[in-house]
Amino acid sequence: MTTLAPAAPRLDVRPLTGSIGAEICGVDLREPLDDATAAEIRRLWLRHKVVFFPGQHLEPVHHVAFARHFGALTRAHPVVPGPLRGHPEVLVLDSERARTEAAYAPARQRTREAGWHTDVTFVATPPAGSVLSARVVPAAGGDTLWSDGEAAYAALDEPLRRLVDGLRAVHDGRRTFGGFLDAGYAVEWEGERVRAIA
């Protein structure tokens, strides 16, 4: 008896640049994904580094179910308050709350290094990625941008690449998130209470 592999899903994929980003259409993320579709989306994510699903309107339960296809989920954030009630894996980013609520006062002291970042790299095992779902967006501005570090490294001249190869990065979240930690907004992360972010 011959067992046939599941057919590859029919996804409409449109690359957005020469090195990073693609839009994926032809799938409803509110519906459960079969294994073949989830595997194809993972392949596209790894190839394009950032993938977009335009026109999706996800409730938190859909957001979490979709993210589970790509690995174990973490808490929303190790020190920033704001996980969604009932969904501790979902961090609500609300600029109005960040501007006005006392719990977010440490965020208002953040320095510029938080502008370009990779999420939660200051923990021993950072998440493989993040799943964002925009609920309210401004008519202009407020864009989230991505950069391709791999392409930037590949484009370096050989002497500069050798210099970079000899450097060591320190992923220290103290300047950006230390105020939250000082104020007591820490959770359990990887089985331990967060006490330091460096």
Protein backbone atom coordinates (compact mmCIF):
# COMPACT_ATOMS: atom_id res chain seq x y z
CA MET A 1 0.00 0.00 0.00
CA THR A 2 1.30 3.45 -0.92
CA THR A 3 0.65 6.39 1.35
CA LEU A 4 0.58 9.75 -0.39
CA ALA A 5 2.06 12.79 1.29
CA PRO A 6 -0.40 15.61 1.91
CA ALA A 7 -0.70 18.01 -1.00
CA ALA A 8 1.16 21.26 -0.69
CA PRO A 9 -1.20 24.07 0.30
CA ARG A 10 -2.19 26.66 -2.26
CA LEU A 11 -0.88 29.87 -0.85
CA ASP A 12 -0.47 33.08 -2.79
CA VAL A 13 2.99 34.40 -1.87
CA ARG A 14 4.27 37.82 -2.91
CA PRO A 15 7.86 38.73 -1.93
CA LEU A 16 8.10 42.36 -0.80
CA THR A 17 11.82 43.07 -1.25
CA GLY A 18 14.88 41.33 -2.60
CA SER A 19 15.94 39.99 0.78
CA ILE A 20 13.19 40.21 3.40
CA GLY A 21 9.43 40.02 3.74
CA ALA A 22 6.55 38.40 1.90
CA GLU A 23 2.78 38.65 1.94
CA ILE A 24 0.89 35.37 2.21
CA CYS A 25 -2.71 35.13 1.08
CA GLY A 26 -4.99 32.15 0.57
CA VAL A 27 -5.27 31.05 4.20
CA ASP A 28 -7.71 32.04 6.95
CA LEU A 29 -5.78 32.14 10.21
CA ARG A 30 -9.03 31.95 12.20
CA GLU A 31 -9.38 28.36 11.02
CA PRO A 32 -7.24 25.45 12.28
CA LEU A 33 -4.20 24.87 10.06
CA ASP A 34 -3.45 21.42 8.72
CA ASP A 35 0.12 20.16 9.12
CA ALA A 36 1.05 20.73 5.46
CA THR A 37 -0.11 24.38 5.52
CA ALA A 38 1.64 25.06 8.83
CA ALA A 39 4.85 23.50 7.44
CA GLU A 40 4.64 25.62 4.29
CA ILE A 41 4.09 28.81 6.30
CA ARG A 42 7.11 27.91 8.46
CA ARG A 43 9.21 27.33 5.33
CA LEU A 44 8.13 30.72 3.95
CA TRP A 45 8.85 32.42 7.28
CA LEU A 46 12.37 30.98 7.40
CA ARG A 47 12.99 31.93 3.77
CA HIS A 48 11.58 35.48 3.90
CA LYS A 49 12.30 36.17 7.62
CA VAL A 50 9.12 38.24 8.03
CA VAL A 51 5.72 37.24 6.65
CA PHE A 52 2.50 39.23 6.52
CA PHE A 53 -1.07 37.97 6.29
CA PRO A 54 -3.11 40.97 5.07
CA GLY A 55 -6.80 41.23 5.84
CA GLN A 56 -6.75 38.86 8.82
CA HIS A 57 -8.84 39.83 11.85
CA LEU A 58 -7.75 37.55 14.67
CA GLU A 59 -9.21 37.20 18.11
CA PRO A 60 -6.68 36.31 20.84
CA VAL A 61 -7.65 32.62 20.72
CA HIS A 62 -6.81 32.53 16.98
CA HIS A 63 -3.59 34.45 17.52
CA VAL A 64 -2.41 31.94 20.15
CA ALA A 65 -3.53 28.89 18.14
CA PHE A 66 -1.64 30.13 15.07
CA ALA A 67 1.54 30.84 17.06
CA ARG A 68 1.51 27.33 18.60
CA HIS A 69 2.26 25.86 15.15
CA PHE A 70 5.77 27.32 15.32
CA GLY A 71 6.99 26.27 18.75
CA ALA A 72 6.39 26.53 22.47
CA LEU A 73 4.88 29.84 23.52
CA THR A 74 6.44 32.08 26.15
CA ARG A 75 4.77 34.48 28.54
CA ALA A 76 4.00 37.82 26.94
CA HIS A 77 7.13 39.52 28.32
CA PRO A 78 9.42 38.79 31.26
CA VAL A 79 9.10 42.25 32.86
CA VAL A 80 6.71 44.53 30.95
CA PRO A 81 3.15 44.56 32.34
CA GLY A 82 0.26 44.05 29.98
CA PRO A 83 -0.44 40.40 29.17
CA LEU A 84 -3.99 39.97 27.96
CA ARG A 85 -6.31 38.57 30.63
CA GLY A 86 -6.86 34.88 29.89
CA HIS A 87 -3.99 34.83 27.38
CA PRO A 88 -0.68 35.27 29.25
CA GLU A 89 1.19 34.71 25.97
CA VAL A 90 -0.27 37.86 24.38
CA LEU A 91 1.22 41.27 25.18
CA VAL A 92 -1.06 44.21 24.49
CA LEU A 93 0.90 47.14 23.06
CA ASP A 94 -1.29 50.18 23.55
CA SER A 95 0.34 53.56 23.01
CA GLU A 96 -2.42 55.39 24.91
CA ARG A 97 -1.99 53.18 27.99
CA ALA A 98 1.79 53.52 27.71
CA ARG A 99 1.40 57.32 27.65
CA THR A 100 -0.98 57.62 30.61
CA GLU A 101 -0.95 54.65 33.02
CA ALA A 102 1.40 54.61 36.00
CA ALA A 103 2.42 50.98 35.35
CA TYR A 104 4.04 52.10 32.10
CA ALA A 105 6.04 54.99 33.60
CA PRO A 106 9.32 53.04 33.20
CA ALA A 107 8.64 52.77 29.45
CA ARG A 108 8.46 56.54 29.19
CA GLN A 109 12.06 56.68 30.43
CA ARG A 110 13.28 54.28 27.73
CA THR A 111 16.29 55.24 25.72
CA ARG A 112 16.69 55.20 21.95
CA GLU A 113 18.28 51.76 21.75
CA ALA A 114 14.82 50.22 22.01
CA GLY A 115 13.95 51.55 18.54
CA TRP A 116 15.65 48.82 16.52
CA HIS A 117 15.54 45.58 18.45
CA THR A 118 14.84 41.87 18.48
CA ASP A 119 12.27 40.86 21.09
CA VAL A 120 13.48 39.57 24.45
CA THR A 121 17.08 38.71 23.52
CA PHE A 122 18.24 39.31 27.09
CA VAL A 123 16.91 35.95 28.34
CA ALA A 124 18.85 32.67 28.13
CA THR A 125 16.51 31.22 25.50
CA PRO A 126 14.90 34.01 23.44
CA PRO A 127 11.70 33.30 21.51
CA ALA A 128 12.18 32.14 17.91
CA GLY A 129 9.93 34.94 16.71
CA SER A 130 6.97 37.15 17.46
CA VAL A 131 3.45 37.15 16.04
CA LEU A 132 1.95 40.63 15.79
CA SER A 133 -1.68 41.44 15.13
CA ALA A 134 -2.55 45.11 14.61
CA ARG A 135 -5.97 45.99 16.01
CA VAL A 136 -5.97 49.80 15.85
CA VAL A 137 -3.55 51.60 13.55
CA PRO A 138 -3.13 55.32 12.89
CA ALA A 139 -3.98 56.78 9.50
CA ALA A 140 -0.32 57.81 9.16
CA GLY A 141 2.85 56.95 11.05
CA GLY A 142 3.27 54.29 13.70
CA ASP A 143 4.88 51.88 11.24
CA THR A 144 6.71 48.79 12.42
CA LEU A 145 9.79 48.21 10.29
CA TRP A 146 12.06 45.17 9.86
CA SER A 147 15.66 44.93 8.77
CA ASP A 148 17.64 42.00 7.40
CA GLY A 149 20.75 41.58 9.55
CA GLU A 150 21.88 38.58 7.52
CA ALA A 151 21.85 40.58 4.27
CA ALA A 152 23.58 43.52 5.98
CA TYR A 153 26.35 41.22 7.23
CA ALA A 154 26.75 39.56 3.81
CA ALA A 155 27.14 43.01 2.20
CA LEU A 156 30.04 44.05 4.47
CA ASP A 157 33.51 44.37 2.99
CA GLU A 158 35.78 41.52 4.08
CA PRO A 159 37.89 43.61 6.53
CA LEU A 160 34.78 44.91 8.26
CA ARG A 161 33.25 41.42 8.35
CA ARG A 162 36.45 40.11 10.04
CA LEU A 163 36.18 42.92 12.60
CA VAL A 164 32.53 42.08 13.29
CA ASP A 165 33.37 38.36 13.57
CA GLY A 166 35.72 39.18 16.44
CA LEU A 167 33.14 41.14 18.43
CA ARG A 168 30.90 39.82 21.18
CA ALA A 169 27.36 41.10 21.67
CA VAL A 170 25.95 41.68 25.14
CA HIS A 171 22.17 41.51 25.21
CA ASP A 172 21.39 43.68 28.20
CA GLY A 173 17.82 44.81 28.79
CA ARG A 174 18.59 46.89 31.87
CA ARG A 175 18.50 50.36 30.25
CA THR A 176 15.28 49.63 28.43
CA PHE A 177 13.38 47.45 30.91
CA GLY A 178 15.18 47.96 34.22
CA GLY A 179 12.55 50.39 35.48
CA PHE A 180 9.88 47.72 35.17
CA LEU A 181 12.05 45.25 37.08
CA ASP A 182 12.74 47.85 39.79
CA ALA A 183 8.99 48.49 40.08
CA GLY A 184 8.34 44.78 40.58
CA TYR A 185 6.79 43.94 37.20
CA ALA A 186 8.51 40.61 36.67
CA VAL A 187 7.04 37.21 35.96
CA GLU A 188 8.22 33.64 35.93
CA TRP A 189 10.17 32.95 32.74
CA GLU A 190 11.60 29.54 31.89
CA GLY A 191 10.68 28.28 35.35
CA GLU A 192 12.33 31.05 37.38
CA ARG A 193 11.32 34.48 38.61
CA VAL A 194 13.06 37.17 36.56
CA ARG A 195 15.50 39.03 38.81
CA ALA A 196 17.97 40.45 36.29
CA ILE A 197 17.92 41.31 32.59
CA ALA A 198 21.59 41.32 31.71
